[in-house]
């Protein structure tokens, strides 16, 4: 987002280079995150990304790839993430029923749940983007921003709010998932590090830099709601790391590779991790 920006004279000439590096770093780390999540899911015979976040991510990436992204690198990145999402969806459909033994109705209808969730998020993101990118009445237009030849339309801010919302949902739902499960199935320190630092680079550092050097166009970064949401996902991710350390000390691994809460399945051929 923002590849067609024309910054005012006070913005450093390295603006596009630095923002490209920050976004590119974040994108590369999230690509690695999706790959590692898929591999860990198959290894642990579970699924890594919570259903709500998975359906939201697919909807966001689909709408932004076919409707919002203007530059080819941006569109290719979203399409790559969509491709990688298929591995996460496959893991949820294949191994999800085991994680929902306490709620068989959910486990038996995971395909329908994901399908409806993805369809809803596609509709929601399309509605948001169509409203925001209206060429006649764009939301919060700014000098120096351009989209599809229309001056003022700001996809950078659209990307900020939508990505930040998705980030909060992902971080909070991952924390809830590992607390409820009580084991690290589908998770690892490497996945956490890639995901956390990818978000720091592509979301926090990128928009913080834009705000510092071009504050009049990026004041939303310090909006109270943005600060609240940013603090929410950072705190959730840091707490998640602490929970991950704890459950890895107590969990047990079944003979088929599945992980369970430490006090479960005792006497059934388990081995400590």
C-alpha atoms as a PDB file:
ATOM      1  CA  UNK A   1       0.000   0.000   0.000  1.00  0.00           C
ATOM      2  CA  UNK A   2       1.154   3.524  -0.713  1.00  0.00           C
ATOM      3  CA  UNK A   3       3.508   2.683  -3.556  1.00  0.00           C
ATOM      4  CA  UNK A   4       2.081   5.575  -5.596  1.00  0.00           C
ATOM      5  CA  UNK A   5       2.411   8.164  -2.832  1.00  0.00           C
ATOM      6  CA  UNK A   6       3.920  11.523  -3.766  1.00  0.00           C
ATOM      7  CA  UNK A   7       5.290  12.845  -0.461  1.00  0.00           C
ATOM      8  CA  UNK A   8       5.691  16.591   0.147  1.00  0.00           C
ATOM      9  CA  UNK A   9       9.181  18.167   0.055  1.00  0.00           C
ATOM     10  CA  UNK A  10       9.814  17.845   3.800  1.00  0.00           C
ATOM     11  CA  UNK A  11       9.659  14.023   3.612  1.00  0.00           C
ATOM     12  CA  UNK A  12      13.102  12.393   3.166  1.00  0.00           C
ATOM     13  CA  UNK A  13      13.846  11.169  -0.383  1.00  0.00           C
ATOM     14  CA  UNK A  14      14.485   7.703   1.060  1.00  0.00           C
ATOM     15  CA  UNK A  15      10.816   7.418   2.109  1.00  0.00           C
ATOM     16  CA  UNK A  16       9.822   4.844  -0.492  1.00  0.00           C
ATOM     17  CA  UNK A  17      12.990   2.804   0.006  1.00  0.00           C
ATOM     18  CA  UNK A  18      12.594   2.567   3.779  1.00  0.00           C
ATOM     19  CA  UNK A  19       8.874   1.803   3.658  1.00  0.00           C
ATOM     20  CA  UNK A  20       9.494  -0.878   1.032  1.00  0.00           C
ATOM     21  CA  UNK A  21      12.158  -2.503   3.231  1.00  0.00           C
ATOM     22  CA  UNK A  22       9.911  -2.460   6.302  1.00  0.00           C
ATOM     23  CA  UNK A  23       6.900  -3.851   4.451  1.00  0.00           C
ATOM     24  CA  UNK A  24       9.041  -6.378   2.591  1.00  0.00           C
ATOM     25  CA  UNK A  25      10.596  -7.616   5.811  1.00  0.00           C
ATOM     26  CA  UNK A  26       7.203  -7.993   7.426  1.00  0.00           C
ATOM     27  CA  UNK A  27       5.838  -9.783   4.373  1.00  0.00           C
ATOM     28  CA  UNK A  28       8.771 -12.202   4.213  1.00  0.00           C
ATOM     29  CA  UNK A  29       8.487 -13.038   7.916  1.00  0.00           C
ATOM     30  CA  UNK A  30       4.759 -13.703   7.609  1.00  0.00           C
ATOM     31  CA  UNK A  31       5.355 -15.911   4.588  1.00  0.00           C
ATOM     32  CA  UNK A  32       7.754 -17.922   6.740  1.00  0.00           C
ATOM     33  CA  UNK A  33       5.162 -17.939   9.540  1.00  0.00           C
ATOM     34  CA  UNK A  34       2.502 -19.508   7.321  1.00  0.00           C
ATOM     35  CA  UNK A  35       4.937 -22.138   6.062  1.00  0.00           C
ATOM     36  CA  UNK A  36       6.092 -23.036   9.574  1.00  0.00           C
ATOM     37  CA  UNK A  37       2.508 -23.146  10.850  1.00  0.00           C
ATOM     38  CA  UNK A  38       1.559 -25.613   8.129  1.00  0.00           C
ATOM     39  CA  UNK A  39       4.560 -27.843   8.777  1.00  0.00           C
ATOM     40  CA  UNK A  40       4.054 -27.765  12.558  1.00  0.00           C
ATOM     41  CA  UNK A  41       0.364 -28.564  12.126  1.00  0.00           C
ATOM     42  CA  UNK A  42       1.186 -31.689  10.135  1.00  0.00           C
ATOM     43  CA  UNK A  43       3.894 -32.706  12.587  1.00  0.00           C
ATOM     44  CA  UNK A  44       1.602 -32.301  15.620  1.00  0.00           C
ATOM     45  CA  UNK A  45      -1.566 -33.539  13.855  1.00  0.00           C
ATOM     46  CA  UNK A  46      -3.526 -30.405  14.708  1.00  0.00           C
ATOM     47  CA  UNK A  47      -4.155 -26.968  13.220  1.00  0.00           C
ATOM     48  CA  UNK A  48      -2.215 -23.827  14.077  1.00  0.00           C
ATOM     49  CA  UNK A  49      -4.393 -20.822  13.244  1.00  0.00           C
ATOM     50  CA  UNK A  50      -7.727 -20.364  15.075  1.00  0.00           C
ATOM     51  CA  UNK A  51     -10.806 -20.680  12.867  1.00  0.00           C
ATOM     52  CA  UNK A  52     -11.977 -17.076  13.296  1.00  0.00           C
ATOM     53  CA  UNK A  53      -8.589 -15.660  12.412  1.00  0.00           C
ATOM     54  CA  UNK A  54      -8.073 -18.100   9.541  1.00  0.00           C
ATOM     55  CA  UNK A  55     -11.357 -17.168   7.875  1.00  0.00           C
ATOM     56  CA  UNK A  56     -10.658 -13.466   8.457  1.00  0.00           C
ATOM     57  CA  UNK A  57      -7.171 -13.733   6.944  1.00  0.00           C
ATOM     58  CA  UNK A  58      -8.442 -15.541   3.857  1.00  0.00           C
ATOM     59  CA  UNK A  59     -11.180 -12.947   3.333  1.00  0.00           C
ATOM     60  CA  UNK A  60      -8.766 -10.044   3.810  1.00  0.00           C
ATOM     61  CA  UNK A  61      -6.137 -11.457   1.466  1.00  0.00           C
ATOM     62  CA  UNK A  62      -8.670 -12.391  -1.201  1.00  0.00           C
ATOM     63  CA  UNK A  63     -10.341  -8.970  -1.345  1.00  0.00           C
ATOM     64  CA  UNK A  64      -7.066  -7.043  -1.188  1.00  0.00           C
ATOM     65  CA  UNK A  65      -5.456  -9.199  -3.893  1.00  0.00           C
ATOM     66  CA  UNK A  66      -8.260  -8.917  -6.446  1.00  0.00           C
ATOM     67  CA  UNK A  67      -9.771  -5.543  -5.571  1.00  0.00           C
ATOM     68  CA  UNK A  68      -7.459  -3.241  -3.619  1.00  0.00           C
ATOM     69  CA  UNK A  69      -3.807  -3.982  -4.452  1.00  0.00           C
ATOM     70  CA  UNK A  70      -2.587  -1.761  -7.283  1.00  0.00           C
ATOM     71  CA  UNK A  71       1.122  -2.526  -7.524  1.00  0.00           C
ATOM     72  CA  UNK A  72       2.168  -5.948  -8.793  1.00  0.00           C
ATOM     73  CA  UNK A  73       4.401  -6.811  -5.786  1.00  0.00           C
ATOM     74  CA  UNK A  74       1.513  -6.123  -3.415  1.00  0.00           C
ATOM     75  CA  UNK A  75      -0.893  -8.267  -5.411  1.00  0.00           C
ATOM     76  CA  UNK A  76       1.617 -11.115  -5.686  1.00  0.00           C
ATOM     77  CA  UNK A  77       2.219 -11.040  -1.924  1.00  0.00           C
ATOM     78  CA  UNK A  78      -1.484 -11.346  -1.147  1.00  0.00           C
ATOM     79  CA  UNK A  79      -1.842 -14.148  -3.702  1.00  0.00           C
ATOM     80  CA  UNK A  80       1.135 -15.981  -2.185  1.00  0.00           C
ATOM     81  CA  UNK A  81      -0.429 -15.756   1.272  1.00  0.00           C
ATOM     82  CA  UNK A  82      -3.702 -17.066  -0.159  1.00  0.00           C
ATOM     83  CA  UNK A  83      -1.840 -20.035  -1.602  1.00  0.00           C
ATOM     84  CA  UNK A  84      -0.175 -20.716   1.741  1.00  0.00           C
ATOM     85  CA  UNK A  85      -3.533 -20.423   3.484  1.00  0.00           C
ATOM     86  CA  UNK A  86      -4.622 -23.605   1.718  1.00  0.00           C
ATOM     87  CA  UNK A  87      -2.184 -25.546   3.882  1.00  0.00           C
ATOM     88  CA  UNK A  88      -3.637 -24.007   7.036  1.00  0.00           C
ATOM     89  CA  UNK A  89      -7.194 -24.726   5.891  1.00  0.00           C
ATOM     90  CA  UNK A  90      -6.263 -28.313   5.046  1.00  0.00           C
ATOM     91  CA  UNK A  91      -4.788 -28.798   8.518  1.00  0.00           C
ATOM     92  CA  UNK A  92      -7.943 -27.419  10.145  1.00  0.00           C
ATOM     93  CA  UNK A  93     -10.221 -29.705   8.126  1.00  0.00           C
ATOM     94  CA  UNK A  94      -8.054 -32.790   8.581  1.00  0.00           C
ATOM     95  CA  UNK A  95      -7.074 -32.494  12.236  1.00  0.00           C
ATOM     96  CA  UNK A  96      -9.672 -30.082  13.598  1.00  0.00           C
ATOM     97  CA  UNK A  97     -12.232 -32.710  14.681  1.00  0.00           C
ATOM     98  CA  UNK A  98      -9.721 -34.104  17.177  1.00  0.00           C
ATOM     99  CA  UNK A  99      -9.384 -30.698  18.839  1.00  0.00           C
ATOM    100  CA  UNK A 100     -13.177 -30.381  19.041  1.00  0.00           C
ATOM    101  CA  UNK A 101     -13.963 -33.704  20.706  1.00  0.00           C
ATOM    102  CA  UNK A 102     -15.610 -31.724  23.517  1.00  0.00           C
ATOM    103  CA  UNK A 103     -17.946 -30.158  20.912  1.00  0.00           C
ATOM    104  CA  UNK A 104     -18.618 -32.830  18.245  1.00  0.00           C
ATOM    105  CA  UNK A 105     -21.103 -30.637  16.374  1.00  0.00           C
ATOM    106  CA  UNK A 106     -18.312 -28.161  15.661  1.00  0.00           C
ATOM    107  CA  UNK A 107     -15.818 -30.856  14.684  1.00  0.00           C
ATOM    108  CA  UNK A 108     -18.295 -32.449  12.292  1.00  0.00           C
ATOM    109  CA  UNK A 109     -19.015 -29.180  10.464  1.00  0.00           C
ATOM    110  CA  UNK A 110     -15.637 -27.480  10.263  1.00  0.00           C
ATOM    111  CA  UNK A 111     -15.829 -27.206   6.478  1.00  0.00           C
ATOM    112  CA  UNK A 112     -19.152 -25.402   6.624  1.00  0.00           C
ATOM    113  CA  UNK A 113     -17.978 -23.177   9.481  1.00  0.00           C
ATOM    114  CA  UNK A 114     -14.865 -22.127   7.594  1.00  0.00           C
ATOM    115  CA  UNK A 115     -16.788 -21.686   4.356  1.00  0.00           C
ATOM    116  CA  UNK A 116     -19.398 -19.417   5.940  1.00  0.00           C
ATOM    117  CA  UNK A 117     -16.708 -17.534   7.852  1.00  0.00           C
ATOM    118  CA  UNK A 118     -14.633 -16.885   4.738  1.00  0.00           C
ATOM    119  CA  UNK A 119     -17.691 -15.801   2.753  1.00  0.00           C
ATOM    120  CA  UNK A 120     -18.753 -13.405   5.531  1.00  0.00           C
ATOM    121  CA  UNK A 121     -15.304 -11.845   5.822  1.00  0.00           C
ATOM    122  CA  UNK A 122     -15.075 -11.448   2.052  1.00  0.00           C
ATOM    123  CA  UNK A 123     -18.376  -9.578   2.082  1.00  0.00           C
ATOM    124  CA  UNK A 124     -17.302  -7.466   5.061  1.00  0.00           C
ATOM    125  CA  UNK A 125     -13.934  -6.489   3.577  1.00  0.00           C
ATOM    126  CA  UNK A 126     -15.467  -5.810   0.179  1.00  0.00           C
ATOM    127  CA  UNK A 127     -18.025  -3.488   1.800  1.00  0.00           C
ATOM    128  CA  UNK A 128     -15.282  -1.707   3.733  1.00  0.00           C
ATOM    129  CA  UNK A 129     -13.059  -1.270   0.683  1.00  0.00           C
ATOM    130  CA  UNK A 130     -15.856  -0.196  -1.649  1.00  0.00           C
ATOM    131  CA  UNK A 131     -16.851   2.486   0.874  1.00  0.00           C
ATOM    132  CA  UNK A 132     -13.276   3.602   1.501  1.00  0.00           C
ATOM    133  CA  UNK A 133     -12.187   3.687  -2.146  1.00  0.00           C
ATOM    134  CA  UNK A 134     -15.239   5.464  -3.544  1.00  0.00           C
ATOM    135  CA  UNK A 135     -13.664   7.646  -6.289  1.00  0.00           C
ATOM    136  CA  UNK A 136     -16.252  10.388  -5.744  1.00  0.00           C
ATOM    137  CA  UNK A 137     -16.300  10.414  -1.934  1.00  0.00           C
ATOM    138  CA  UNK A 138     -13.189   8.599  -0.673  1.00  0.00           C
ATOM    139  CA  UNK A 139     -12.806   8.229   3.071  1.00  0.00           C
ATOM    140  CA  UNK A 140     -10.421  10.717   4.713  1.00  0.00           C
ATOM    141  CA  UNK A 141      -8.646  11.876   1.495  1.00  0.00           C
ATOM    142  CA  UNK A 142      -5.159  13.327   1.843  1.00  0.00           C
ATOM    143  CA  UNK A 143      -2.771  15.359  -0.268  1.00  0.00           C
ATOM    144  CA  UNK A 144      -0.013  13.250  -1.795  1.00  0.00           C
ATOM    145  CA  UNK A 145      -2.041  10.020  -1.793  1.00  0.00           C
ATOM    146  CA  UNK A 146      -3.113   8.437  -5.066  1.00  0.00           C
ATOM    147  CA  UNK A 147      -5.016   5.312  -6.043  1.00  0.00           C
ATOM    148  CA  UNK A 148      -5.988   4.206  -9.545  1.00  0.00           C
ATOM    149  CA  UNK A 149      -5.308   7.706 -10.839  1.00  0.00           C
ATOM    150  CA  UNK A 150      -7.534   9.354  -8.227  1.00  0.00           C
ATOM    151  CA  UNK A 151      -5.806  11.949  -6.048  1.00  0.00           C
ATOM    152  CA  UNK A 152      -6.462  11.848  -2.309  1.00  0.00           C
ATOM    153  CA  UNK A 153      -7.587   8.246  -1.962  1.00  0.00           C
ATOM    154  CA  UNK A 154      -5.507   6.694   0.814  1.00  0.00           C
ATOM    155  CA  UNK A 155      -5.048   2.926   0.675  1.00  0.00           C
ATOM    156  CA  UNK A 156      -2.266   3.213   3.255  1.00  0.00           C
ATOM    157  CA  UNK A 157      -4.755   4.085   5.981  1.00  0.00           C
ATOM    158  CA  UNK A 158      -7.198   1.457   4.716  1.00  0.00           C
ATOM    159  CA  UNK A 159      -4.418  -1.091   4.994  1.00  0.00           C
ATOM    160  CA  UNK A 160      -3.586   0.088   8.504  1.00  0.00           C
ATOM    161  CA  UNK A 161      -7.045  -0.302  10.028  1.00  0.00           C
ATOM    162  CA  UNK A 162      -7.835  -3.586   8.297  1.00  0.00           C
ATOM    163  CA  UNK A 163      -4.442  -5.139   9.073  1.00  0.00           C
ATOM    164  CA  UNK A 164      -4.527  -3.892  12.662  1.00  0.00           C
ATOM    165  CA  UNK A 165      -7.971  -5.411  13.208  1.00  0.00           C
ATOM    166  CA  UNK A 166      -6.789  -8.723  11.741  1.00  0.00           C
ATOM    167  CA  UNK A 167      -3.688  -8.567  13.944  1.00  0.00           C
ATOM    168  CA  UNK A 168      -5.716  -8.076  17.124  1.00  0.00           C
ATOM    169  CA  UNK A 169      -8.002 -10.987  16.226  1.00  0.00           C
ATOM    170  CA  UNK A 170      -5.020 -13.237  15.442  1.00  0.00           C
ATOM    171  CA  UNK A 171      -3.014 -12.414  18.574  1.00  0.00           C
ATOM    172  CA  UNK A 172      -5.940 -12.632  20.996  1.00  0.00           C
ATOM    173  CA  UNK A 173      -7.405 -15.800  19.461  1.00  0.00           C
ATOM    174  CA  UNK A 174      -4.002 -17.529  19.428  1.00  0.00           C
ATOM    175  CA  UNK A 175      -3.586 -16.690  23.110  1.00  0.00           C
ATOM    176  CA  UNK A 176      -7.057 -18.052  23.887  1.00  0.00           C
ATOM    177  CA  UNK A 177      -6.350 -21.177  21.839  1.00  0.00           C
ATOM    178  CA  UNK A 178      -3.146 -22.145  23.636  1.00  0.00           C
ATOM    179  CA  UNK A 179      -4.681 -21.436  27.060  1.00  0.00           C
ATOM    180  CA  UNK A 180      -7.707 -23.625  26.305  1.00  0.00           C
ATOM    181  CA  UNK A 181      -5.672 -26.423  24.748  1.00  0.00           C
ATOM    182  CA  UNK A 182      -2.947 -26.419  27.364  1.00  0.00           C
ATOM    183  CA  UNK A 183      -0.396 -27.700  24.863  1.00  0.00           C
ATOM    184  CA  UNK A 184       1.771 -26.281  22.070  1.00  0.00           C
ATOM    185  CA  UNK A 185       0.332 -28.242  19.159  1.00  0.00           C
ATOM    186  CA  UNK A 186       0.810 -26.215  15.973  1.00  0.00           C
ATOM    187  CA  UNK A 187       3.067 -23.748  17.760  1.00  0.00           C
ATOM    188  CA  UNK A 188       6.789 -23.216  18.253  1.00  0.00           C
ATOM    189  CA  UNK A 189       9.206 -20.526  19.333  1.00  0.00           C
ATOM    190  CA  UNK A 190      10.226 -20.044  15.704  1.00  0.00           C
ATOM    191  CA  UNK A 191       6.630 -19.454  14.621  1.00  0.00           C
ATOM    192  CA  UNK A 192       6.113 -16.963  17.437  1.00  0.00           C
ATOM    193  CA  UNK A 193       9.307 -15.067  16.569  1.00  0.00           C
ATOM    194  CA  UNK A 194       8.522 -14.874  12.838  1.00  0.00           C
ATOM    195  CA  UNK A 195       4.966 -13.735  13.498  1.00  0.00           C
ATOM    196  CA  UNK A 196       5.814 -11.209  16.214  1.00  0.00           C
ATOM    197  CA  UNK A 197       8.725  -9.553  14.431  1.00  0.00           C
ATOM    198  CA  UNK A 198       6.855  -9.651  11.129  1.00  0.00           C
ATOM    199  CA  UNK A 199       4.075  -7.628  12.752  1.00  0.00           C
ATOM    200  CA  UNK A 200       6.564  -5.287  14.397  1.00  0.00           C
ATOM    201  CA  UNK A 201       8.238  -4.568  11.050  1.00  0.00           C
ATOM    202  CA  UNK A 202       5.273  -4.532   8.674  1.00  0.00           C
ATOM    203  CA  UNK A 203       2.766  -2.872  10.993  1.00  0.00           C
ATOM    204  CA  UNK A 204       4.326  -0.987  13.901  1.00  0.00           C
ATOM    205  CA  UNK A 205       7.669   0.104  12.426  1.00  0.00           C
ATOM    206  CA  UNK A 206       6.281   0.836   8.966  1.00  0.00           C
ATOM    207  CA  UNK A 207       3.450   3.064  10.148  1.00  0.00           C
ATOM    208  CA  UNK A 208       5.532   4.628  12.910  1.00  0.00           C
ATOM    209  CA  UNK A 209       8.108   5.695  10.324  1.00  0.00           C
ATOM    210  CA  UNK A 210       5.377   7.082   8.043  1.00  0.00           C
ATOM    211  CA  UNK A 211       3.948   9.070  10.966  1.00  0.00           C
ATOM    212  CA  UNK A 212       7.332  10.451  12.041  1.00  0.00           C
ATOM    213  CA  UNK A 213       8.394  11.713   8.611  1.00  0.00           C
ATOM    214  CA  UNK A 214       4.951  12.554   7.180  1.00  0.00           C
ATOM    215  CA  UNK A 215       2.728  13.201  10.223  1.00  0.00           C
ATOM    216  CA  UNK A 216      -0.048  15.123   8.495  1.00  0.00           C
ATOM    217  CA  UNK A 217      -0.929  12.087   6.361  1.00  0.00           C
ATOM    218  CA  UNK A 218      -0.459   9.405   9.034  1.00  0.00           C
ATOM    219  CA  UNK A 219      -1.834  10.937  12.231  1.00  0.00           C
ATOM    220  CA  UNK A 220      -4.186   7.956  12.581  1.00  0.00           C
ATOM    221  CA  UNK A 221      -1.206   5.924  13.833  1.00  0.00           C
ATOM    222  CA  UNK A 222      -1.452   7.724  17.194  1.00  0.00           C
ATOM    223  CA  UNK A 223      -5.245   7.803  17.276  1.00  0.00           C
ATOM    224  CA  UNK A 224      -6.381   6.534  20.723  1.00  0.00           C
ATOM    225  CA  UNK A 225      -8.173   3.564  19.157  1.00  0.00           C
ATOM    226  CA  UNK A 226      -5.066   2.655  17.142  1.00  0.00           C
ATOM    227  CA  UNK A 227      -2.876   2.901  20.243  1.00  0.00           C
ATOM    228  CA  UNK A 228      -5.327   0.725  22.190  1.00  0.00           C
ATOM    229  CA  UNK A 229      -5.446  -1.948  19.481  1.00  0.00           C
ATOM    230  CA  UNK A 230      -1.674  -1.880  18.983  1.00  0.00           C
ATOM    231  CA  UNK A 231      -1.067  -2.323  22.702  1.00  0.00           C
ATOM    232  CA  UNK A 232      -3.629  -5.133  22.758  1.00  0.00           C
ATOM    233  CA  UNK A 233      -1.895  -7.318  20.205  1.00  0.00           C
ATOM    234  CA  UNK A 234       1.605  -6.629  21.568  1.00  0.00           C
ATOM    235  CA  UNK A 235       0.572  -7.551  25.105  1.00  0.00           C
ATOM    236  CA  UNK A 236      -1.332 -10.616  23.864  1.00  0.00           C
ATOM    237  CA  UNK A 237       1.715 -11.822  21.937  1.00  0.00           C
ATOM    238  CA  UNK A 238       4.063 -11.331  24.880  1.00  0.00           C
ATOM    239  CA  UNK A 239       1.682 -13.159  27.227  1.00  0.00           C
ATOM    240  CA  UNK A 240       1.374 -15.886  24.596  1.00  0.00           C
ATOM    241  CA  UNK A 241       5.139 -16.406  24.703  1.00  0.00           C
ATOM    242  CA  UNK A 242       4.996 -16.871  28.458  1.00  0.00           C
ATOM    243  CA  UNK A 243       2.156 -19.384  28.154  1.00  0.00           C
ATOM    244  CA  UNK A 244       4.041 -21.231  25.408  1.00  0.00           C
ATOM    245  CA  UNK A 245       7.072 -21.619  27.668  1.00  0.00           C
ATOM    246  CA  UNK A 246       4.880 -22.981  30.446  1.00  0.00           C
ATOM    247  CA  UNK A 247       2.858 -25.493  28.430  1.00  0.00           C
ATOM    248  CA  UNK A 248       5.951 -26.875  26.734  1.00  0.00           C
ATOM    249  CA  UNK A 249       7.298 -27.752  30.180  1.00  0.00           C
ATOM    250  CA  UNK A 250       4.188 -29.705  31.179  1.00  0.00           C
ATOM    251  CA  UNK A 251       2.635 -31.108  27.976  1.00  0.00           C
ATOM    252  CA  UNK A 252       2.917 -34.709  26.872  1.00  0.00           C
ATOM    253  CA  UNK A 253       3.303 -36.173  23.388  1.00  0.00           C
ATOM    254  CA  UNK A 254       1.242 -39.131  22.214  1.00  0.00           C
ATOM    255  CA  UNK A 255       2.733 -41.931  20.169  1.00  0.00           C
ATOM    256  CA  UNK A 256       1.125 -40.492  16.997  1.00  0.00           C
ATOM    257  CA  UNK A 257       2.773 -37.098  17.553  1.00  0.00           C
ATOM    258  CA  UNK A 258      -0.214 -35.297  19.008  1.00  0.00           C
ATOM    259  CA  UNK A 259       0.378 -33.128  22.057  1.00  0.00           C
ATOM    260  CA  UNK A 260      -1.948 -33.015  25.047  1.00  0.00           C
ATOM    261  CA  UNK A 261      -2.219 -31.149  28.305  1.00  0.00           C
ATOM    262  CA  UNK A 262       0.220 -32.525  30.855  1.00  0.00           C
ATOM    263  CA  UNK A 263      -2.317 -34.060  33.195  1.00  0.00           C
ATOM    264  CA  UNK A 264      -4.212 -35.833  30.380  1.00  0.00           C
ATOM    265  CA  UNK A 265      -3.826 -39.367  29.023  1.00  0.00           C
ATOM    266  CA  UNK A 266      -1.568 -40.574  31.818  1.00  0.00           C
ATOM    267  CA  UNK A 267      -0.737 -44.239  31.653  1.00  0.00           C
ATOM    268  CA  UNK A 268      -1.520 -44.481  27.917  1.00  0.00           C
ATOM    269  CA  UNK A 269       1.947 -44.730  26.498  1.00  0.00           C
ATOM    270  CA  UNK A 270       2.761 -41.043  26.612  1.00  0.00           C
ATOM    271  CA  UNK A 271       6.234 -39.679  26.629  1.00  0.00           C
ATOM    272  CA  UNK A 272       7.312 -36.359  28.103  1.00  0.00           C
ATOM    273  CA  UNK A 273       8.427 -33.707  25.668  1.00  0.00           C
END
